């Protein structure tokens, strides 16, 4: 005969198992971004990524723009967003 205490314990264990399936492991929080980055890099490698990558940094309080062209494998530096746009247009029509 099953007692109320046994039933309660069984329900508690089942709940723990279900929560463990739904909630990610604590270590997964730091591993997930690294795995995503690795996957993104692998995808770019295997698909032959040709789109330029553009980013901005600040140097001595001034914005500096960078653009990497995967076709030529060169990174260029620009002093304004307008210069980046001109480079992109020129690159597109070459």
N, C-alpha and C. Protein backbone atom coordinates (compact mmCIF):
# COMPACT_ATOMS: atom_id res chain seq x y z
N UNK A 1 0.83 -1.17 0.00
CA UNK A 1 0.00 0.00 0.00
C UNK A 1 0.89 1.25 0.00
N UNK A 2 0.58 2.19 -0.90
CA UNK A 2 1.37 3.41 -1.02
C UNK A 2 0.81 4.46 -0.09
N UNK A 3 1.69 5.08 0.66
CA UNK A 3 1.26 6.12 1.60
C UNK A 3 1.29 7.48 0.93
N UNK A 4 0.66 8.45 1.55
CA UNK A 4 0.64 9.81 1.05
C UNK A 4 2.05 10.39 1.00
N UNK A 5 2.87 10.01 1.97
CA UNK A 5 4.25 10.48 2.02
C UNK A 5 5.03 9.95 0.81
N UNK A 6 4.85 8.68 0.45
CA UNK A 6 5.52 8.09 -0.70
C UNK A 6 5.07 8.77 -2.00
N UNK A 7 3.78 9.03 -2.12
CA UNK A 7 3.26 9.68 -3.31
C UNK A 7 3.84 11.09 -3.44
N UNK A 8 3.90 11.78 -2.34
CA UNK A 8 4.45 13.13 -2.34
C UNK A 8 5.92 13.12 -2.76
N UNK A 9 6.67 12.15 -2.25
CA UNK A 9 8.09 12.04 -2.59
C UNK A 9 8.25 11.72 -4.07
N UNK A 10 7.42 10.81 -4.59
CA UNK A 10 7.48 10.45 -6.02
C UNK A 10 7.16 11.65 -6.91
N UNK A 11 6.16 12.42 -6.54
CA UNK A 11 5.81 13.62 -7.30
C UNK A 11 6.96 14.64 -7.27
N UNK A 12 7.58 14.77 -6.11
CA UNK A 12 8.70 15.69 -5.96
C UNK A 12 9.86 15.27 -6.87
N UNK A 13 10.18 13.99 -6.94
CA UNK A 13 11.26 13.48 -7.79
C UNK A 13 10.93 13.68 -9.27
N UNK A 14 9.69 13.42 -9.64
CA UNK A 14 9.27 13.62 -11.03
C UNK A 14 9.40 15.09 -11.42
N UNK A 15 9.00 15.95 -10.52
CA UNK A 15 9.11 17.39 -10.78
C UNK A 15 10.57 17.79 -10.97
N UNK A 16 11.46 17.28 -10.14
CA UNK A 16 12.88 17.59 -10.27
C UNK A 16 13.43 17.13 -11.62
N UNK A 17 13.03 15.94 -12.03
CA UNK A 17 13.49 15.42 -13.32
C UNK A 17 13.00 16.28 -14.49
N UNK A 18 11.73 16.67 -14.44
CA UNK A 18 11.18 17.52 -15.50
C UNK A 18 11.85 18.89 -15.53
N UNK A 19 12.09 19.48 -14.38
CA UNK A 19 12.76 20.78 -14.33
C UNK A 19 14.19 20.68 -14.87
N UNK A 20 14.85 19.58 -14.60
CA UNK A 20 16.21 19.40 -15.10
C UNK A 20 16.21 19.30 -16.63
N UNK A 21 15.16 18.76 -17.21
CA UNK A 21 15.06 18.67 -18.66
C UNK A 21 14.79 20.03 -19.30
N UNK A 22 14.00 20.85 -18.62
CA UNK A 22 13.59 22.14 -19.16
C UNK A 22 14.66 23.20 -18.96
N UNK A 23 15.27 23.25 -17.80
CA UNK A 23 16.24 24.28 -17.48
C UNK A 23 17.63 23.88 -17.96
N UNK A 24 18.35 24.82 -18.61
CA UNK A 24 19.72 24.49 -19.05
C UNK A 24 20.63 24.34 -17.85
N UNK A 25 21.68 23.58 -18.04
CA UNK A 25 22.68 23.39 -16.98
C UNK A 25 23.37 24.72 -16.71
N UNK A 26 23.83 24.92 -15.50
CA UNK A 26 24.49 26.18 -15.13
C UNK A 26 25.72 26.43 -16.00
N UNK A 27 26.49 25.42 -16.31
CA UNK A 27 27.68 25.59 -17.13
C UNK A 27 27.35 25.94 -18.57
N UNK A 28 26.15 25.64 -19.01
CA UNK A 28 25.75 25.92 -20.38
C UNK A 28 25.65 27.41 -20.68
N UNK A 29 25.51 28.22 -19.67
CA UNK A 29 25.38 29.66 -19.88
C UNK A 29 26.67 30.25 -20.45
N UNK A 30 27.79 29.73 -20.07
CA UNK A 30 29.05 30.26 -20.58
C UNK A 30 29.48 29.53 -21.84
N UNK A 31 29.01 28.34 -22.04
CA UNK A 31 29.39 27.56 -23.20
C UNK A 31 28.58 27.93 -24.44
N UNK A 32 27.34 28.32 -24.27
CA UNK A 32 26.47 28.60 -25.40
C UNK A 32 27.00 29.71 -26.32
N UNK A 33 27.43 30.86 -25.80
CA UNK A 33 27.96 31.89 -26.71
C UNK A 33 29.20 31.42 -27.48
N UNK A 34 30.05 30.67 -26.84
CA UNK A 34 31.25 30.17 -27.52
C UNK A 34 30.88 29.20 -28.63
N UNK A 35 29.89 28.35 -28.37
CA UNK A 35 29.45 27.41 -29.40
C UNK A 35 28.79 28.14 -30.57
N UNK A 36 28.02 29.19 -30.26
CA UNK A 36 27.38 29.97 -31.32
C UNK A 36 28.44 30.64 -32.19
N UNK A 37 29.45 31.23 -31.56
CA UNK A 37 30.52 31.89 -32.31
C UNK A 37 31.26 30.89 -33.19
N UNK A 38 31.54 29.73 -32.65
CA UNK A 38 32.21 28.69 -33.42
C UNK A 38 31.35 28.27 -34.61
N UNK A 39 30.07 28.11 -34.39
CA UNK A 39 29.16 27.75 -35.47
C UNK A 39 29.09 28.82 -36.54
N UNK A 40 29.05 30.10 -36.12
CA UNK A 40 29.03 31.20 -37.08
C UNK A 40 30.29 31.21 -37.94
N UNK A 41 31.43 31.00 -37.30
CA UNK A 41 32.69 30.99 -38.05
C UNK A 41 32.75 29.82 -39.03
N UNK A 42 32.28 28.65 -38.59
CA UNK A 42 32.27 27.49 -39.47
C UNK A 42 31.36 27.73 -40.66
N UNK A 43 30.21 28.35 -40.42
CA UNK A 43 29.27 28.64 -41.50
C UNK A 43 29.89 29.59 -42.52
N UNK A 44 30.55 30.64 -42.03
CA UNK A 44 31.20 31.57 -42.94
C UNK A 44 32.30 30.88 -43.74
N UNK A 45 33.05 30.00 -43.09
CA UNK A 45 34.12 29.29 -43.77
C UNK A 45 33.58 28.40 -44.89
N UNK A 46 32.55 27.62 -44.58
CA UNK A 46 32.03 26.66 -45.54
C UNK A 46 31.17 27.29 -46.62
N UNK A 47 30.58 28.44 -46.36
CA UNK A 47 29.74 29.08 -47.37
C UNK A 47 30.49 30.11 -48.18
N UNK A 48 31.75 30.34 -47.87
CA UNK A 48 32.53 31.30 -48.63
C UNK A 48 32.00 32.72 -48.47
N UNK A 49 31.86 33.16 -47.26
CA UNK A 49 31.33 34.49 -46.95
C UNK A 49 32.03 35.56 -47.77
N UNK A 50 31.26 36.39 -48.49
CA UNK A 50 31.85 37.45 -49.29
C UNK A 50 31.40 38.83 -48.86
N UNK A 51 30.47 38.90 -47.93
CA UNK A 51 29.99 40.20 -47.46
C UNK A 51 31.03 40.84 -46.54
N UNK A 52 31.24 42.15 -46.69
CA UNK A 52 32.20 42.82 -45.81
C UNK A 52 31.67 42.91 -44.38
N UNK A 53 32.58 42.97 -43.45
CA UNK A 53 32.23 43.11 -42.03
C UNK A 53 32.66 44.51 -41.61
N UNK A 54 31.75 45.29 -41.03
CA UNK A 54 32.02 46.68 -40.67
C UNK A 54 31.77 46.87 -39.18
N UNK A 55 32.66 47.58 -38.53
CA UNK A 55 32.49 47.87 -37.11
C UNK A 55 33.10 49.23 -36.79
N UNK A 56 32.74 49.75 -35.62
CA UNK A 56 33.20 51.07 -35.20
C UNK A 56 33.86 50.99 -33.84
N UNK A 57 34.90 51.74 -33.67
CA UNK A 57 35.59 51.87 -32.39
C UNK A 57 35.78 53.35 -32.11
N UNK A 58 36.11 53.66 -30.88
CA UNK A 58 36.39 55.05 -30.52
C UNK A 58 37.85 55.15 -30.13
N UNK A 59 38.53 56.10 -30.71
CA UNK A 59 39.94 56.32 -30.41
C UNK A 59 40.12 57.79 -30.07
N UNK A 60 40.57 58.08 -28.88
CA UNK A 60 40.75 59.44 -28.38
C UNK A 60 39.46 60.25 -28.53
N UNK A 61 38.34 59.60 -28.25
CA UNK A 61 37.04 60.26 -28.30
C UNK A 61 36.45 60.41 -29.69
N UNK A 62 37.16 59.98 -30.71
CA UNK A 62 36.68 60.10 -32.09
C UNK A 62 36.30 58.73 -32.64
N UNK A 63 35.18 58.66 -33.38
CA UNK A 63 34.80 57.37 -33.97
C UNK A 63 35.72 57.01 -35.13
N UNK A 64 36.14 55.76 -35.16
CA UNK A 64 36.94 55.21 -36.24
C UNK A 64 36.17 54.02 -36.80
N UNK A 65 36.04 53.96 -38.10
CA UNK A 65 35.31 52.88 -38.75
C UNK A 65 36.29 51.91 -39.39
N UNK A 66 35.96 50.63 -39.31
CA UNK A 66 36.77 49.58 -39.92
C UNK A 66 35.89 48.74 -40.82
N UNK A 67 36.47 48.25 -41.89
CA UNK A 67 35.75 47.36 -42.80
C UNK A 67 36.71 46.27 -43.26
N UNK A 68 36.28 45.03 -43.09
CA UNK A 68 37.08 43.90 -43.55
C UNK A 68 36.42 43.32 -44.79
N UNK A 69 37.20 43.19 -45.85
CA UNK A 69 36.73 42.61 -47.10
C UNK A 69 37.25 41.18 -47.19
N UNK A 70 36.38 40.18 -47.04
CA UNK A 70 36.84 38.79 -47.07
C UNK A 70 37.33 38.34 -48.44
N UNK A 71 36.95 39.04 -49.49
CA UNK A 71 37.42 38.67 -50.82
C UNK A 71 38.90 38.97 -50.97
N UNK A 72 39.32 40.15 -50.51
CA UNK A 72 40.73 40.53 -50.60
C UNK A 72 41.49 40.23 -49.31
N UNK A 73 40.74 39.89 -48.26
CA UNK A 73 41.31 39.63 -46.93
C UNK A 73 42.05 40.85 -46.39
N UNK A 74 41.50 42.04 -46.70
CA UNK A 74 42.10 43.28 -46.22
C UNK A 74 41.12 43.99 -45.30
N UNK A 75 41.67 44.67 -44.29
CA UNK A 75 40.88 45.50 -43.40
C UNK A 75 41.29 46.94 -43.62
N UNK A 76 40.29 47.79 -43.82
CA UNK A 76 40.54 49.20 -44.05
C UNK A 76 40.00 50.02 -42.90
N UNK A 77 40.54 51.20 -42.73
CA UNK A 77 40.14 52.10 -41.65
C UNK A 77 39.62 53.40 -42.27
N UNK A 78 38.51 53.93 -41.71
CA UNK A 78 37.90 55.14 -42.24
C UNK A 78 37.62 56.11 -41.10
N UNK A 79 37.60 57.39 -41.43
CA UNK A 79 37.37 58.41 -40.40
C UNK A 79 35.91 58.81 -40.28
N UNK A 80 35.06 58.37 -41.24
CA UNK A 80 33.64 58.72 -41.15
C UNK A 80 32.78 57.61 -41.75
N UNK A 81 31.52 57.64 -41.36
CA UNK A 81 30.56 56.68 -41.91
C UNK A 81 30.37 56.92 -43.40
N UNK A 82 30.42 58.17 -43.82
CA UNK A 82 30.28 58.50 -45.24
C UNK A 82 31.40 57.86 -46.07
N UNK A 83 32.62 57.87 -45.54
CA UNK A 83 33.75 57.23 -46.24
C UNK A 83 33.52 55.73 -46.39
N UNK A 84 32.93 55.11 -45.36
CA UNK A 84 32.62 53.68 -45.44
C UNK A 84 31.59 53.43 -46.53
N UNK A 85 30.57 54.28 -46.57
CA UNK A 85 29.52 54.13 -47.59
C UNK A 85 30.09 54.28 -49.01
N UNK A 86 30.97 55.24 -49.20
CA UNK A 86 31.60 55.41 -50.51
C UNK A 86 32.42 54.18 -50.90
N UNK A 87 33.16 53.65 -49.93
CA UNK A 87 33.96 52.45 -50.20
C UNK A 87 33.06 51.27 -50.57
N UNK A 88 31.95 51.13 -49.85
CA UNK A 88 31.01 50.04 -50.15
C UNK A 88 30.44 50.16 -51.56
N UNK A 89 30.06 51.38 -51.95
CA UNK A 89 29.53 51.58 -53.30
C UNK A 89 30.58 51.26 -54.34
N UNK A 90 31.79 51.74 -54.13
CA UNK A 90 32.87 51.48 -55.09
C UNK A 90 33.14 49.98 -55.18
N UNK A 91 33.15 49.32 -54.03
CA UNK A 91 33.39 47.87 -54.00
C UNK A 91 32.29 47.13 -54.75
N UNK A 92 31.06 47.58 -54.59
CA UNK A 92 29.92 46.91 -55.22
C UNK A 92 30.00 46.98 -56.75
N UNK A 93 30.41 48.14 -57.26
CA UNK A 93 30.44 48.33 -58.71
C UNK A 93 31.73 47.88 -59.38
N UNK A 94 32.70 47.41 -58.63
CA UNK A 94 33.95 46.92 -59.23
C UNK A 94 33.76 45.57 -59.86
